[in-house]
Amino acid sequence: MMKNKDIYEIIIVGRGGQGAKTASQFIAEAALGKGKHIQAFPEYGPERAGAPMKAYARISDKVIKTFAPVVNPDVVMVIDPTLIGPVDVVEGLTKDGILVVNTNETPDGMKKKTGFKGKIYCVDATKISIDTVGRNLPNTPMLGALIKATGVIELVAITDCVKHKFLEKIGEDKTNKTIEGVKMAYDAL
């Protein structure tokens, strides 16, 4: 779903320690597995857990020659909804863009909070992660919502990345529960 541009750009907004960097890497790795050119990198303010931060992902059919932060994203994914207001999460996002938010609020509620007039998708990734893995780890369920909202990569590509990254690290049961959370968020949209 590359529209008519050479590079599809994503900004992930969260707090340090919430997995925004990991989410951007999963997006890029999933696209790389499909033969795309990719970039994924974080941008930190004060480097500490809980501080607002952004991570970026770029996907293209062509070589990506820029290394600057994303300023006009196609998609913004907000992992921590408490950053809406203190951070202008829709900065640079055109009316053709997509906003995906971890919240139990409605898209209309998010339109009022952000002033964004484009497509808004809301999923309670926090609840999904607590229900599936027993902890507040919304970054991976948010990937399921992002995939459903954009179609930019396939669900199986993300679940394969999750397996590859986590199977040895956290074991089969927790990895499967993490994948279940991704699929639940995908199905929730």
C-alpha atoms as a PDB file:
ATOM      1  CA  MET A   1       0.000   0.000   0.000  1.00  0.00           C
ATOM      2  CA  MET A   2       2.664   2.458  -1.094  1.00  0.00           C
ATOM      3  CA  LYS A   3       0.256   5.015  -2.575  1.00  0.00           C
ATOM      4  CA  ASN A   4       1.974   7.128  -5.208  1.00  0.00           C
ATOM      5  CA  LYS A   5       5.157   7.857  -3.353  1.00  0.00           C
ATOM      6  CA  ASP A   6       8.550   6.270  -3.323  1.00  0.00           C
ATOM      7  CA  ILE A   7       8.851   5.895   0.442  1.00  0.00           C
ATOM      8  CA  TYR A   8       6.138   4.885   2.945  1.00  0.00           C
ATOM      9  CA  GLU A   9       6.940   6.560   6.264  1.00  0.00           C
ATOM     10  CA  ILE A  10       5.774   5.706   9.775  1.00  0.00           C
ATOM     11  CA  ILE A  11       6.269   7.497  13.089  1.00  0.00           C
ATOM     12  CA  ILE A  12       5.756   5.611  16.335  1.00  0.00           C
ATOM     13  CA  VAL A  13       5.176   7.777  19.407  1.00  0.00           C
ATOM     14  CA  GLY A  14       5.692   6.334  22.868  1.00  0.00           C
ATOM     15  CA  ARG A  15       7.726   6.566  26.006  1.00  0.00           C
ATOM     16  CA  GLY A  16      11.175   5.112  26.547  1.00  0.00           C
ATOM     17  CA  GLY A  17      10.807   1.451  27.499  1.00  0.00           C
ATOM     18  CA  GLN A  18       7.406   0.925  25.815  1.00  0.00           C
ATOM     19  CA  GLY A  19       8.840  -0.778  22.752  1.00  0.00           C
ATOM     20  CA  ALA A  20       8.508   1.908  20.062  1.00  0.00           C
ATOM     21  CA  LYS A  21      12.024   1.142  18.830  1.00  0.00           C
ATOM     22  CA  THR A  22      11.284  -2.592  18.736  1.00  0.00           C
ATOM     23  CA  ALA A  23       8.007  -1.957  16.895  1.00  0.00           C
ATOM     24  CA  SER A  24       9.819   0.085  14.232  1.00  0.00           C
ATOM     25  CA  GLN A  25      12.373  -2.696  13.831  1.00  0.00           C
ATOM     26  CA  PHE A  26       9.617  -5.302  13.429  1.00  0.00           C
ATOM     27  CA  ILE A  27       7.948  -3.195  10.734  1.00  0.00           C
ATOM     28  CA  ALA A  28      11.221  -2.811   8.868  1.00  0.00           C
ATOM     29  CA  GLU A  29      12.226  -6.474   9.222  1.00  0.00           C
ATOM     30  CA  ALA A  30       8.816  -7.626   8.013  1.00  0.00           C
ATOM     31  CA  ALA A  31       9.113  -5.398   4.934  1.00  0.00           C
ATOM     32  CA  LEU A  32      12.707  -6.485   4.333  1.00  0.00           C
ATOM     33  CA  GLY A  33      11.494 -10.083   4.264  1.00  0.00           C
ATOM     34  CA  LYS A  34       9.268  -9.071   1.340  1.00  0.00           C
ATOM     35  CA  GLY A  35      12.179  -7.607  -0.609  1.00  0.00           C
ATOM     36  CA  LYS A  36      11.636  -3.957   0.306  1.00  0.00           C
ATOM     37  CA  HIS A  37      14.287  -1.397   1.200  1.00  0.00           C
ATOM     38  CA  ILE A  38      13.903  -0.331   4.809  1.00  0.00           C
ATOM     39  CA  GLN A  39      15.008   1.913   7.643  1.00  0.00           C
ATOM     40  CA  ALA A  40      14.149   1.831  11.338  1.00  0.00           C
ATOM     41  CA  PHE A  41      15.642   4.100  13.965  1.00  0.00           C
ATOM     42  CA  PRO A  42      14.712   5.830  17.227  1.00  0.00           C
ATOM     43  CA  GLU A  43      14.892   9.478  18.220  1.00  0.00           C
ATOM     44  CA  TYR A  44      15.292  10.041  21.933  1.00  0.00           C
ATOM     45  CA  GLY A  45      14.989  13.143  24.028  1.00  0.00           C
ATOM     46  CA  PRO A  46      16.466  12.660  27.475  1.00  0.00           C
ATOM     47  CA  GLU A  47      17.435   8.998  27.417  1.00  0.00           C
ATOM     48  CA  ARG A  48      15.502   7.552  30.300  1.00  0.00           C
ATOM     49  CA  ALA A  49      12.619   5.174  30.755  1.00  0.00           C
ATOM     50  CA  GLY A  50       9.309   6.986  30.536  1.00  0.00           C
ATOM     51  CA  ALA A  51      10.566   9.973  28.547  1.00  0.00           C
ATOM     52  CA  PRO A  52       8.646  10.768  25.344  1.00  0.00           C
ATOM     53  CA  MET A  53      10.348   9.409  22.239  1.00  0.00           C
ATOM     54  CA  LYS A  54       9.709   8.632  18.603  1.00  0.00           C
ATOM     55  CA  ALA A  55      10.810   5.810  16.387  1.00  0.00           C
ATOM     56  CA  TYR A  56      10.685   5.832  12.627  1.00  0.00           C
ATOM     57  CA  ALA A  57      10.255   3.255   9.899  1.00  0.00           C
ATOM     58  CA  ARG A  58      10.578   3.685   6.170  1.00  0.00           C
ATOM     59  CA  ILE A  59       9.617   1.175   3.494  1.00  0.00           C
ATOM     60  CA  SER A  60      10.363   1.530  -0.201  1.00  0.00           C
ATOM     61  CA  ASP A  61      10.728  -0.378  -3.449  1.00  0.00           C
ATOM     62  CA  LYS A  62      13.787   1.787  -4.140  1.00  0.00           C
ATOM     63  CA  VAL A  63      16.983   2.491  -2.218  1.00  0.00           C
ATOM     64  CA  ILE A  64      16.329   4.950   0.612  1.00  0.00           C
ATOM     65  CA  LYS A  65      18.878   7.745   0.470  1.00  0.00           C
ATOM     66  CA  THR A  66      17.701   9.969   3.316  1.00  0.00           C
ATOM     67  CA  PHE A  67      18.631   9.446   6.944  1.00  0.00           C
ATOM     68  CA  ALA A  68      16.722  12.397   8.372  1.00  0.00           C
ATOM     69  CA  PRO A  69      13.835  11.950  10.799  1.00  0.00           C
ATOM     70  CA  VAL A  70      10.411  11.482   9.237  1.00  0.00           C
ATOM     71  CA  VAL A  71       8.560  14.813   9.040  1.00  0.00           C
ATOM     72  CA  ASN A  72       5.569  14.018   6.792  1.00  0.00           C
ATOM     73  CA  PRO A  73       4.505  10.511   7.781  1.00  0.00           C
ATOM     74  CA  ASP A  74       1.906   8.392   6.058  1.00  0.00           C
ATOM     75  CA  VAL A  75       1.055   6.879   9.439  1.00  0.00           C
ATOM     76  CA  VAL A  76       1.487   7.799  13.078  1.00  0.00           C
ATOM     77  CA  MET A  77       1.123   5.026  15.636  1.00  0.00           C
ATOM     78  CA  VAL A  78       0.650   6.214  19.234  1.00  0.00           C
ATOM     79  CA  ILE A  79       1.589   3.599  21.840  1.00  0.00           C
ATOM     80  CA  ASP A  80       1.010   5.893  24.835  1.00  0.00           C
ATOM     81  CA  PRO A  81      -2.164   8.005  24.550  1.00  0.00           C
ATOM     82  CA  THR A  82      -1.098  10.204  27.494  1.00  0.00           C
ATOM     83  CA  LEU A  83       1.335  11.841  25.063  1.00  0.00           C
ATOM     84  CA  ILE A  84      -1.555  13.253  23.017  1.00  0.00           C
ATOM     85  CA  GLY A  85      -1.571  16.912  23.972  1.00  0.00           C
ATOM     86  CA  PRO A  86       1.915  17.231  25.461  1.00  0.00           C
ATOM     87  CA  VAL A  87       3.267  16.004  22.092  1.00  0.00           C
ATOM     88  CA  ASP A  88       1.762  17.074  18.768  1.00  0.00           C
ATOM     89  CA  VAL A  89       1.382  13.495  17.538  1.00  0.00           C
ATOM     90  CA  VAL A  90      -0.219  14.550  14.245  1.00  0.00           C
ATOM     91  CA  GLU A  91       2.458  17.086  13.292  1.00  0.00           C
ATOM     92  CA  GLY A  92       3.213  16.681   9.585  1.00  0.00           C
ATOM     93  CA  LEU A  93       0.432  14.144   9.075  1.00  0.00           C
ATOM     94  CA  THR A  94      -1.710  15.169   6.097  1.00  0.00           C
ATOM     95  CA  LYS A  95      -5.452  14.578   5.837  1.00  0.00           C
ATOM     96  CA  ASP A  96      -4.594  11.549   3.673  1.00  0.00           C
ATOM     97  CA  GLY A  97      -2.589  10.066   6.544  1.00  0.00           C
ATOM     98  CA  ILE A  98      -3.592   7.511   9.145  1.00  0.00           C
ATOM     99  CA  LEU A  99      -3.496   7.802  12.934  1.00  0.00           C
ATOM    100  CA  VAL A 100      -3.526   4.560  14.953  1.00  0.00           C
ATOM    101  CA  VAL A 101      -3.940   5.055  18.709  1.00  0.00           C
ATOM    102  CA  ASN A 102      -3.727   2.730  21.706  1.00  0.00           C
ATOM    103  CA  THR A 103      -6.883   3.821  23.525  1.00  0.00           C
ATOM    104  CA  ASN A 104     -10.323   2.663  24.577  1.00  0.00           C
ATOM    105  CA  GLU A 105     -11.712   5.947  23.234  1.00  0.00           C
ATOM    106  CA  THR A 106     -13.524   6.291  19.906  1.00  0.00           C
ATOM    107  CA  PRO A 107     -12.060   7.715  16.705  1.00  0.00           C
ATOM    108  CA  ASP A 108     -14.404  10.705  17.135  1.00  0.00           C
ATOM    109  CA  GLY A 109     -12.967  11.300  20.601  1.00  0.00           C
ATOM    110  CA  MET A 110      -9.464  11.196  19.142  1.00  0.00           C
ATOM    111  CA  LYS A 111     -10.488  13.628  16.372  1.00  0.00           C
ATOM    112  CA  LYS A 112     -11.534  16.110  19.066  1.00  0.00           C
ATOM    113  CA  LYS A 113      -8.322  15.614  21.070  1.00  0.00           C
ATOM    114  CA  THR A 114      -5.925  15.795  18.124  1.00  0.00           C
ATOM    115  CA  GLY A 115      -7.760  17.968  15.613  1.00  0.00           C
ATOM    116  CA  PHE A 116      -6.800  15.416  12.957  1.00  0.00           C
ATOM    117  CA  LYS A 117      -9.332  15.143  10.134  1.00  0.00           C
ATOM    118  CA  GLY A 118      -8.001  11.991   8.442  1.00  0.00           C
ATOM    119  CA  LYS A 119      -8.522   8.313   9.201  1.00  0.00           C
ATOM    120  CA  ILE A 120      -8.217   7.406  12.872  1.00  0.00           C
ATOM    121  CA  TYR A 121      -8.167   3.865  14.210  1.00  0.00           C
ATOM    122  CA  CYS A 122      -8.400   3.098  17.919  1.00  0.00           C
ATOM    123  CA  VAL A 123      -7.594  -0.177  19.650  1.00  0.00           C
ATOM    124  CA  ASP A 124      -7.152  -0.902  23.350  1.00  0.00           C
ATOM    125  CA  ALA A 125      -3.740  -2.527  22.947  1.00  0.00           C
ATOM    126  CA  THR A 126      -3.038  -2.091  26.644  1.00  0.00           C
ATOM    127  CA  LYS A 127      -6.022  -4.270  27.567  1.00  0.00           C
ATOM    128  CA  ILE A 128      -5.144  -6.793  24.855  1.00  0.00           C
ATOM    129  CA  SER A 129      -1.563  -7.106  26.108  1.00  0.00           C
ATOM    130  CA  ILE A 130      -2.677  -7.498  29.725  1.00  0.00           C
ATOM    131  CA  ASP A 131      -5.262 -10.121  28.678  1.00  0.00           C
ATOM    132  CA  THR A 132      -2.772 -12.092  26.558  1.00  0.00           C
ATOM    133  CA  VAL A 133       0.670 -11.727  28.142  1.00  0.00           C
ATOM    134  CA  GLY A 134      -0.343 -10.507  31.596  1.00  0.00           C
ATOM    135  CA  ARG A 135       1.613  -7.244  31.317  1.00  0.00           C
ATOM    136  CA  ASN A 136       1.186  -3.769  29.878  1.00  0.00           C
ATOM    137  CA  LEU A 137       3.202  -4.290  26.672  1.00  0.00           C
ATOM    138  CA  PRO A 138       1.054  -2.655  23.979  1.00  0.00           C
ATOM    139  CA  ASN A 139       3.710  -2.236  21.284  1.00  0.00           C
ATOM    140  CA  THR A 140       3.195  -5.633  19.637  1.00  0.00           C
ATOM    141  CA  PRO A 141      -0.621  -5.558  19.631  1.00  0.00           C
ATOM    142  CA  MET A 142      -0.344  -2.071  18.113  1.00  0.00           C
ATOM    143  CA  LEU A 143       1.507  -3.653  15.189  1.00  0.00           C
ATOM    144  CA  GLY A 144      -1.564  -5.770  14.476  1.00  0.00           C
ATOM    145  CA  ALA A 145      -3.712  -2.635  14.402  1.00  0.00           C
ATOM    146  CA  LEU A 146      -1.195  -0.812  12.204  1.00  0.00           C
ATOM    147  CA  ILE A 147      -1.137  -3.657   9.690  1.00  0.00           C
ATOM    148  CA  LYS A 148      -4.933  -3.812   9.524  1.00  0.00           C
ATOM    149  CA  ALA A 149      -5.253  -0.023   9.179  1.00  0.00           C
ATOM    150  CA  THR A 150      -2.605   0.356   6.477  1.00  0.00           C
ATOM    151  CA  GLY A 151      -2.089  -2.942   4.666  1.00  0.00           C
ATOM    152  CA  VAL A 152       1.542  -1.862   4.291  1.00  0.00           C
ATOM    153  CA  ILE A 153       2.835  -5.277   5.386  1.00  0.00           C
ATOM    154  CA  GLU A 154       1.237  -8.642   5.966  1.00  0.00           C
ATOM    155  CA  LEU A 155       0.188 -10.023   9.336  1.00  0.00           C
ATOM    156  CA  VAL A 156       2.216 -13.200   8.833  1.00  0.00           C
ATOM    157  CA  ALA A 157       5.354 -11.112   8.237  1.00  0.00           C
ATOM    158  CA  ILE A 158       4.987  -9.499  11.680  1.00  0.00           C
ATOM    159  CA  THR A 159       4.135 -12.748  13.452  1.00  0.00           C
ATOM    160  CA  ASP A 160       7.220 -14.322  11.873  1.00  0.00           C
ATOM    161  CA  CYS A 161       9.346 -11.437  13.190  1.00  0.00           C
ATOM    162  CA  VAL A 162       7.866 -11.860  16.672  1.00  0.00           C
ATOM    163  CA  LYS A 163       8.662 -15.586  16.600  1.00  0.00           C
ATOM    164  CA  HIS A 164      12.208 -14.962  15.397  1.00  0.00           C
ATOM    165  CA  LYS A 165      12.903 -12.271  18.007  1.00  0.00           C
ATOM    166  CA  PHE A 166      11.196 -13.810  21.050  1.00  0.00           C
ATOM    167  CA  LEU A 167      11.089 -17.607  20.779  1.00  0.00           C
ATOM    168  CA  GLU A 168      14.498 -18.236  22.361  1.00  0.00           C
ATOM    169  CA  LYS A 169      14.306 -15.170  24.599  1.00  0.00           C
ATOM    170  CA  ILE A 170      10.914 -15.728  26.276  1.00  0.00           C
ATOM    171  CA  GLY A 171       9.879 -19.237  25.228  1.00  0.00           C
ATOM    172  CA  GLU A 172       7.138 -20.699  23.091  1.00  0.00           C
ATOM    173  CA  ASP A 173       4.191 -20.022  25.417  1.00  0.00           C
ATOM    174  CA  LYS A 174       4.897 -16.297  25.902  1.00  0.00           C
ATOM    175  CA  THR A 175       5.781 -15.897  22.221  1.00  0.00           C
ATOM    176  CA  ASN A 176       2.466 -17.472  21.213  1.00  0.00           C
ATOM    177  CA  LYS A 177       0.611 -15.198  23.642  1.00  0.00           C
ATOM    178  CA  THR A 178       2.392 -12.181  22.161  1.00  0.00           C
ATOM    179  CA  ILE A 179       1.339 -13.278  18.667  1.00  0.00           C
ATOM    180  CA  GLU A 180      -2.207 -13.805  19.948  1.00  0.00           C
ATOM    181  CA  GLY A 181      -2.199 -10.163  21.082  1.00  0.00           C
ATOM    182  CA  VAL A 182      -1.055  -9.001  17.638  1.00  0.00           C
ATOM    183  CA  LYS A 183      -3.860 -10.984  16.005  1.00  0.00           C
ATOM    184  CA  MET A 184      -6.482  -9.741  18.499  1.00  0.00           C
ATOM    185  CA  ALA A 185      -5.604  -6.100  17.763  1.00  0.00           C
ATOM    186  CA  TYR A 186      -5.670  -6.843  14.035  1.00  0.00           C
ATOM    187  CA  ASP A 187      -9.131  -8.377  14.382  1.00  0.00           C
ATOM    188  CA  ALA A 188     -10.349  -5.520  16.629  1.00  0.00           C
ATOM    189  CA  LEU A 189     -10.239  -2.981  13.766  1.00  0.00           C
END
